[in-house]
C-alpha atoms as a PDB file:
ATOM      1  CA  UNK A   1     -11.975  -7.958  -7.844  1.00  0.00           C
ATOM      2  CA  UNK A   2      -9.328  -5.818  -9.201  1.00  0.00           C
ATOM      3  CA  UNK A   3      -5.735  -6.882  -9.589  1.00  0.00           C
ATOM      4  CA  UNK A   4      -5.307  -4.178  -6.397  1.00  0.00           C
ATOM      5  CA  UNK A   5      -7.626  -5.995  -4.459  1.00  0.00           C
ATOM      6  CA  UNK A   6      -6.253  -9.333  -4.905  1.00  0.00           C
ATOM      7  CA  UNK A   7      -2.887  -7.871  -4.025  1.00  0.00           C
ATOM      8  CA  UNK A   8      -4.325  -6.505  -0.725  1.00  0.00           C
ATOM      9  CA  UNK A   9      -6.130  -9.911  -0.089  1.00  0.00           C
ATOM     10  CA  UNK A  10      -2.674 -11.566  -0.579  1.00  0.00           C
ATOM     11  CA  UNK A  11      -0.550  -8.955   1.529  1.00  0.00           C
ATOM     12  CA  UNK A  12      -3.290  -9.565   4.557  1.00  0.00           C
ATOM     13  CA  UNK A  13      -2.865 -13.157   4.377  1.00  0.00           C
ATOM     14  CA  UNK A  14       0.690 -12.754   4.733  1.00  0.00           C
ATOM     15  CA  UNK A  15       0.494 -10.473   7.714  1.00  0.00           C
ATOM     16  CA  UNK A  16       1.256  -7.159   5.973  1.00  0.00           C
ATOM     17  CA  UNK A  17      -1.035  -4.092   6.305  1.00  0.00           C
ATOM     18  CA  UNK A  18      -1.717  -1.930   3.033  1.00  0.00           C
ATOM     19  CA  UNK A  19      -2.624   1.632   3.617  1.00  0.00           C
ATOM     20  CA  UNK A  20      -3.295   4.494   1.133  1.00  0.00           C
ATOM     21  CA  UNK A  21      -2.088   7.724   2.110  1.00  0.00           C
ATOM     22  CA  UNK A  22      -1.856  11.389   0.415  1.00  0.00           C
ATOM     23  CA  UNK A  23       1.766  12.231   0.798  1.00  0.00           C
ATOM     24  CA  UNK A  24       2.888  15.696   0.627  1.00  0.00           C
ATOM     25  CA  UNK A  25       5.545  15.044  -1.857  1.00  0.00           C
ATOM     26  CA  UNK A  26       4.693  13.546  -5.478  1.00  0.00           C
ATOM     27  CA  UNK A  27       8.137  11.922  -5.450  1.00  0.00           C
ATOM     28  CA  UNK A  28       7.038   9.369  -2.903  1.00  0.00           C
ATOM     29  CA  UNK A  29       5.313   6.546  -4.368  1.00  0.00           C
ATOM     30  CA  UNK A  30       5.136   4.328  -1.231  1.00  0.00           C
ATOM     31  CA  UNK A  31       6.883   3.189   1.803  1.00  0.00           C
ATOM     32  CA  UNK A  32       7.352   0.062   3.803  1.00  0.00           C
ATOM     33  CA  UNK A  33       8.202  -0.249   7.680  1.00  0.00           C
ATOM     34  CA  UNK A  34       7.343  -2.991  10.333  1.00  0.00           C
ATOM     35  CA  UNK A  35       5.079  -5.028   8.087  1.00  0.00           C
ATOM     36  CA  UNK A  36       3.156  -1.842   6.794  1.00  0.00           C
ATOM     37  CA  UNK A  37       3.024  -0.926   3.118  1.00  0.00           C
ATOM     38  CA  UNK A  38       1.879   2.871   2.368  1.00  0.00           C
ATOM     39  CA  UNK A  39       1.090   3.612  -1.302  1.00  0.00           C
ATOM     40  CA  UNK A  40       0.559   7.179  -2.609  1.00  0.00           C
ATOM     41  CA  UNK A  41      -3.236   7.775  -3.372  1.00  0.00           C
ATOM     42  CA  UNK A  42      -2.094   9.851  -6.371  1.00  0.00           C
ATOM     43  CA  UNK A  43      -0.633   6.676  -8.153  1.00  0.00           C
END
């Protein structure tokens, strides 16, 4: 299991959803709102 997968498991256990998303701007690395983390697919 990769470090990224381990982090996803931990956040899920803490009640936080993690999503990969293709943002239109390369400047956005990720966002957090209402117990959801969205990470830019390009990083």
